[in-house]
Amino acid sequence: MSKLKPRERDAIVQALRAGVVPKLGLRHIQVGRVREIEELVKDMDRISDGGSAIRFIIGEYGSGKTFFMNLIRLVALEKGLVVMFADLAPDRRIHATGGQARGLYAEMARNLSTRTKPDGGALANVVERFVSQAHRDAEERDLPTGIVIRERLGHFEEL
């Protein structure tokens, strides 16, 4: 087990005093979820290799869903993955006719996180990095940047 850093210790204590899930140091206080974590880490590895996975975490109020998801989110960020997170609610549903799905996707976009922006708000950074890399590639290939971007996003048009 890794050493508890003062910043993590303080975040844990403050969050628990406030009755909320800590954003940092969750690995120091979680117990009994080894198999679930192992399976989700396998999913992350599959995704890193270009595959896909989906999991739904369900449970009663107070059963630890948010805690568990925050722990998994931190593991994914440590692995260098981009993470989107949203709770399903009546105003944030996967499928609906009254704009609730748009609310879900907006919440996910707001909460998009990276290692450098773990608390969300990383969408602009991700898009900037994508465009910058496409621009560098375009310069190396002596092509307009727009063509390289269309190539990289072409698989979405096939869908």
C-alpha atoms as a PDB file:
ATOM      1  CA  MET A   1       0.000   0.000   0.000  1.00  0.00           C
ATOM      2  CA  SER A   2       1.298   3.462  -0.840  1.00  0.00           C
ATOM      3  CA  LYS A   3       2.093   6.084   1.771  1.00  0.00           C
ATOM      4  CA  LEU A   4      -0.686   8.496   2.722  1.00  0.00           C
ATOM      5  CA  LYS A   5       0.226  12.014   1.602  1.00  0.00           C
ATOM      6  CA  PRO A   6      -0.765  14.969   3.823  1.00  0.00           C
ATOM      7  CA  ARG A   7      -2.877  16.430   1.001  1.00  0.00           C
ATOM      8  CA  GLU A   8      -4.803  13.155   0.666  1.00  0.00           C
ATOM      9  CA  ARG A   9      -5.178  12.828   4.450  1.00  0.00           C
ATOM     10  CA  ASP A  10      -6.629  16.329   4.725  1.00  0.00           C
ATOM     11  CA  ALA A  11      -8.996  15.775   1.770  1.00  0.00           C
ATOM     12  CA  ILE A  12     -10.259  12.510   3.294  1.00  0.00           C
ATOM     13  CA  VAL A  13     -10.848  13.994   6.744  1.00  0.00           C
ATOM     14  CA  GLN A  14     -12.559  17.134   5.416  1.00  0.00           C
ATOM     15  CA  ALA A  15     -14.835  15.159   3.087  1.00  0.00           C
ATOM     16  CA  LEU A  16     -15.827  12.657   5.754  1.00  0.00           C
ATOM     17  CA  ARG A  17     -16.565  15.490   8.192  1.00  0.00           C
ATOM     18  CA  ALA A  18     -18.825  17.047   5.544  1.00  0.00           C
ATOM     19  CA  GLY A  19     -20.517  13.697   4.889  1.00  0.00           C
ATOM     20  CA  VAL A  20     -19.413  13.460   1.239  1.00  0.00           C
ATOM     21  CA  VAL A  21     -17.178  11.124  -0.744  1.00  0.00           C
ATOM     22  CA  PRO A  22     -13.523  12.242  -0.745  1.00  0.00           C
ATOM     23  CA  LYS A  23     -12.066  13.212  -4.141  1.00  0.00           C
ATOM     24  CA  LEU A  24      -8.533  12.092  -3.210  1.00  0.00           C
ATOM     25  CA  GLY A  25      -7.012   9.151  -1.355  1.00  0.00           C
ATOM     26  CA  LEU A  26      -9.928   6.768  -1.730  1.00  0.00           C
ATOM     27  CA  ARG A  27      -7.627   3.767  -2.061  1.00  0.00           C
ATOM     28  CA  HIS A  28      -6.583   4.298   1.576  1.00  0.00           C
ATOM     29  CA  ILE A  29     -10.087   3.853   2.970  1.00  0.00           C
ATOM     30  CA  GLN A  30     -11.817   1.409   0.613  1.00  0.00           C
ATOM     31  CA  VAL A  31     -12.216  -2.231   1.587  1.00  0.00           C
ATOM     32  CA  GLY A  32     -13.940  -5.306   0.184  1.00  0.00           C
ATOM     33  CA  ARG A  33     -14.094  -4.386  -3.496  1.00  0.00           C
ATOM     34  CA  VAL A  34     -11.026  -6.185  -4.840  1.00  0.00           C
ATOM     35  CA  ARG A  35     -12.846  -8.351  -7.425  1.00  0.00           C
ATOM     36  CA  GLU A  36     -14.973  -5.482  -8.730  1.00  0.00           C
ATOM     37  CA  ILE A  37     -11.914  -3.248  -9.056  1.00  0.00           C
ATOM     38  CA  GLU A  38      -9.962  -5.996 -10.846  1.00  0.00           C
ATOM     39  CA  GLU A  39     -12.776  -6.439 -13.373  1.00  0.00           C
ATOM     40  CA  LEU A  40     -13.046  -2.723 -14.046  1.00  0.00           C
ATOM     41  CA  VAL A  41      -9.255  -2.447 -14.419  1.00  0.00           C
ATOM     42  CA  LYS A  42      -9.512  -5.227 -17.050  1.00  0.00           C
ATOM     43  CA  ASP A  43     -12.166  -3.106 -18.800  1.00  0.00           C
ATOM     44  CA  MET A  44      -9.817  -0.105 -18.713  1.00  0.00           C
ATOM     45  CA  ASP A  45      -7.005  -2.163 -20.227  1.00  0.00           C
ATOM     46  CA  ARG A  46      -9.365  -3.361 -22.962  1.00  0.00           C
ATOM     47  CA  ILE A  47     -10.372   0.244 -23.690  1.00  0.00           C
ATOM     48  CA  SER A  48      -6.711   1.336 -23.743  1.00  0.00           C
ATOM     49  CA  ASP A  49      -6.123  -1.309 -26.412  1.00  0.00           C
ATOM     50  CA  GLY A  50      -8.914   0.121 -28.597  1.00  0.00           C
ATOM     51  CA  GLY A  51     -11.753  -2.045 -27.299  1.00  0.00           C
ATOM     52  CA  SER A  52     -14.881  -1.024 -25.472  1.00  0.00           C
ATOM     53  CA  ALA A  53     -16.760  -1.785 -22.278  1.00  0.00           C
ATOM     54  CA  ILE A  54     -19.800  -0.555 -20.417  1.00  0.00           C
ATOM     55  CA  ARG A  55     -20.842  -1.138 -16.816  1.00  0.00           C
ATOM     56  CA  PHE A  56     -23.793   0.146 -14.819  1.00  0.00           C
ATOM     57  CA  ILE A  57     -23.363   0.460 -11.071  1.00  0.00           C
ATOM     58  CA  ILE A  58     -26.685   0.128  -9.297  1.00  0.00           C
ATOM     59  CA  GLY A  59     -27.641  -0.067  -5.653  1.00  0.00           C
ATOM     60  CA  GLU A  60     -29.700   1.340  -2.843  1.00  0.00           C
ATOM     61  CA  TYR A  61     -29.174   4.831  -1.470  1.00  0.00           C
ATOM     62  CA  GLY A  62     -26.069   4.830   0.735  1.00  0.00           C
ATOM     63  CA  SER A  63     -24.688   1.537  -0.588  1.00  0.00           C
ATOM     64  CA  GLY A  64     -21.429   3.103  -1.800  1.00  0.00           C
ATOM     65  CA  LYS A  65     -22.044   3.658  -5.525  1.00  0.00           C
ATOM     66  CA  THR A  66     -20.591   7.166  -5.606  1.00  0.00           C
ATOM     67  CA  PHE A  67     -17.620   6.141  -3.480  1.00  0.00           C
ATOM     68  CA  PHE A  68     -16.911   3.170  -5.747  1.00  0.00           C
ATOM     69  CA  MET A  69     -17.268   5.205  -8.944  1.00  0.00           C
ATOM     70  CA  ASN A  70     -14.944   7.912  -7.626  1.00  0.00           C
ATOM     71  CA  LEU A  71     -12.382   5.238  -6.787  1.00  0.00           C
ATOM     72  CA  ILE A  72     -12.618   3.750 -10.287  1.00  0.00           C
ATOM     73  CA  ARG A  73     -12.454   7.242 -11.816  1.00  0.00           C
ATOM     74  CA  LEU A  74      -9.181   7.890  -9.964  1.00  0.00           C
ATOM     75  CA  VAL A  75      -7.732   4.572 -11.159  1.00  0.00           C
ATOM     76  CA  ALA A  76      -8.647   5.446 -14.762  1.00  0.00           C
ATOM     77  CA  LEU A  77      -7.089   8.904 -14.459  1.00  0.00           C
ATOM     78  CA  GLU A  78      -3.887   7.373 -13.058  1.00  0.00           C
ATOM     79  CA  LYS A  79      -3.802   5.139 -16.152  1.00  0.00           C
ATOM     80  CA  GLY A  80      -3.974   8.245 -18.367  1.00  0.00           C
ATOM     81  CA  LEU A  81      -7.540   7.699 -19.557  1.00  0.00           C
ATOM     82  CA  VAL A  82     -10.104  10.420 -20.164  1.00  0.00           C
ATOM     83  CA  VAL A  83     -13.135   9.951 -17.898  1.00  0.00           C
ATOM     84  CA  MET A  84     -16.732  11.121 -18.249  1.00  0.00           C
ATOM     85  CA  PHE A  85     -19.074  10.816 -15.292  1.00  0.00           C
ATOM     86  CA  ALA A  86     -22.751  11.513 -14.636  1.00  0.00           C
ATOM     87  CA  ASP A  87     -25.405  10.188 -12.318  1.00  0.00           C
ATOM     88  CA  LEU A  88     -28.625   9.059 -13.963  1.00  0.00           C
ATOM     89  CA  ALA A  89     -31.625  10.959 -12.625  1.00  0.00           C
ATOM     90  CA  PRO A  90     -35.133  11.835 -13.841  1.00  0.00           C
ATOM     91  CA  ASP A  91     -33.729  14.937 -15.555  1.00  0.00           C
ATOM     92  CA  ARG A  92     -30.669  13.016 -16.894  1.00  0.00           C
ATOM     93  CA  ARG A  93     -31.744   9.848 -18.697  1.00  0.00           C
ATOM     94  CA  ILE A  94     -30.118   7.755 -21.431  1.00  0.00           C
ATOM     95  CA  HIS A  95     -33.209   7.885 -23.635  1.00  0.00           C
ATOM     96  CA  ALA A  96     -36.108  10.331 -23.425  1.00  0.00           C
ATOM     97  CA  THR A  97     -38.207  12.686 -25.527  1.00  0.00           C
ATOM     98  CA  GLY A  98     -38.170  15.735 -23.262  1.00  0.00           C
ATOM     99  CA  GLY A  99     -34.490  16.724 -23.461  1.00  0.00           C
ATOM    100  CA  GLN A 100     -33.374  14.562 -20.522  1.00  0.00           C
ATOM    101  CA  ALA A 101     -30.810  12.737 -22.679  1.00  0.00           C
ATOM    102  CA  ARG A 102     -29.323  16.086 -23.658  1.00  0.00           C
ATOM    103  CA  GLY A 103     -29.087  16.899 -19.938  1.00  0.00           C
ATOM    104  CA  LEU A 104     -27.188  13.646 -19.357  1.00  0.00           C
ATOM    105  CA  TYR A 105     -24.726  14.328 -22.174  1.00  0.00           C
ATOM    106  CA  ALA A 106     -24.228  17.919 -21.026  1.00  0.00           C
ATOM    107  CA  GLU A 107     -23.465  16.684 -17.512  1.00  0.00           C
ATOM    108  CA  MET A 108     -20.987  14.155 -18.884  1.00  0.00           C
ATOM    109  CA  ALA A 109     -19.259  16.834 -20.978  1.00  0.00           C
ATOM    110  CA  ARG A 110     -19.018  19.144 -17.937  1.00  0.00           C
ATOM    111  CA  ASN A 111     -17.510  16.326 -15.875  1.00  0.00           C
ATOM    112  CA  LEU A 112     -15.006  15.170 -18.524  1.00  0.00           C
ATOM    113  CA  SER A 113     -11.740  14.695 -16.613  1.00  0.00           C
ATOM    114  CA  THR A 114      -8.091  14.032 -17.350  1.00  0.00           C
ATOM    115  CA  ARG A 115      -5.083  13.496 -15.117  1.00  0.00           C
ATOM    116  CA  THR A 116      -4.283  17.234 -15.288  1.00  0.00           C
ATOM    117  CA  LYS A 117      -7.926  18.284 -14.729  1.00  0.00           C
ATOM    118  CA  PRO A 118      -9.323  15.572 -12.444  1.00  0.00           C
ATOM    119  CA  ASP A 119     -12.309  17.611 -11.243  1.00  0.00           C
ATOM    120  CA  GLY A 120     -13.882  18.023 -14.688  1.00  0.00           C
ATOM    121  CA  GLY A 121     -13.866  20.829 -17.208  1.00  0.00           C
ATOM    122  CA  ALA A 122     -11.242  19.130 -19.400  1.00  0.00           C
ATOM    123  CA  LEU A 123     -13.209  19.089 -22.673  1.00  0.00           C
ATOM    124  CA  ALA A 124     -11.498  22.208 -24.036  1.00  0.00           C
ATOM    125  CA  ASN A 125      -8.064  20.748 -23.220  1.00  0.00           C
ATOM    126  CA  VAL A 126      -8.894  17.458 -24.957  1.00  0.00           C
ATOM    127  CA  VAL A 127     -10.141  19.232 -28.093  1.00  0.00           C
ATOM    128  CA  GLU A 128      -7.125  21.575 -28.128  1.00  0.00           C
ATOM    129  CA  ARG A 129      -4.744  18.629 -27.860  1.00  0.00           C
ATOM    130  CA  PHE A 130      -6.566  16.765 -30.636  1.00  0.00           C
ATOM    131  CA  VAL A 131      -6.406  19.779 -32.973  1.00  0.00           C
ATOM    132  CA  SER A 132      -2.762  20.537 -32.091  1.00  0.00           C
ATOM    133  CA  GLN A 133      -1.698  16.960 -32.826  1.00  0.00           C
ATOM    134  CA  ALA A 134      -3.655  16.995 -36.085  1.00  0.00           C
ATOM    135  CA  HIS A 135      -1.988  20.298 -37.023  1.00  0.00           C
ATOM    136  CA  ARG A 136       1.505  18.905 -36.347  1.00  0.00           C
ATOM    137  CA  ASP A 137       0.681  15.792 -38.364  1.00  0.00           C
ATOM    138  CA  ALA A 138      -0.679  17.949 -41.195  1.00  0.00           C
ATOM    139  CA  GLU A 139       2.493  20.027 -41.294  1.00  0.00           C
ATOM    140  CA  GLU A 140       4.654  16.885 -41.433  1.00  0.00           C
ATOM    141  CA  ARG A 141       2.548  15.494 -44.297  1.00  0.00           C
ATOM    142  CA  ASP A 142       2.197  18.896 -46.017  1.00  0.00           C
ATOM    143  CA  LEU A 143      -1.603  18.727 -45.894  1.00  0.00           C
ATOM    144  CA  PRO A 144      -4.289  21.134 -44.691  1.00  0.00           C
ATOM    145  CA  THR A 145      -5.162  20.534 -41.022  1.00  0.00           C
ATOM    146  CA  GLY A 146      -8.835  20.030 -41.886  1.00  0.00           C
ATOM    147  CA  ILE A 147      -8.041  16.985 -44.012  1.00  0.00           C
ATOM    148  CA  VAL A 148      -6.120  15.318 -41.182  1.00  0.00           C
ATOM    149  CA  ILE A 149      -8.953  16.067 -38.746  1.00  0.00           C
ATOM    150  CA  ARG A 150     -11.501  14.564 -41.168  1.00  0.00           C
ATOM    151  CA  GLU A 151      -9.308  11.448 -41.516  1.00  0.00           C
ATOM    152  CA  ARG A 152      -9.135  11.005 -37.738  1.00  0.00           C
ATOM    153  CA  LEU A 153     -12.872  11.483 -37.329  1.00  0.00           C
ATOM    154  CA  GLY A 154     -13.836   9.520 -40.455  1.00  0.00           C
ATOM    155  CA  HIS A 155     -14.858   6.412 -38.566  1.00  0.00           C
ATOM    156  CA  PHE A 156     -17.699   8.404 -36.972  1.00  0.00           C
ATOM    157  CA  GLU A 157     -19.152   9.132 -40.405  1.00  0.00           C
ATOM    158  CA  GLU A 158     -19.293   5.394 -41.101  1.00  0.00           C
ATOM    159  CA  LEU A 159     -21.604   4.916 -38.143  1.00  0.00           C
END
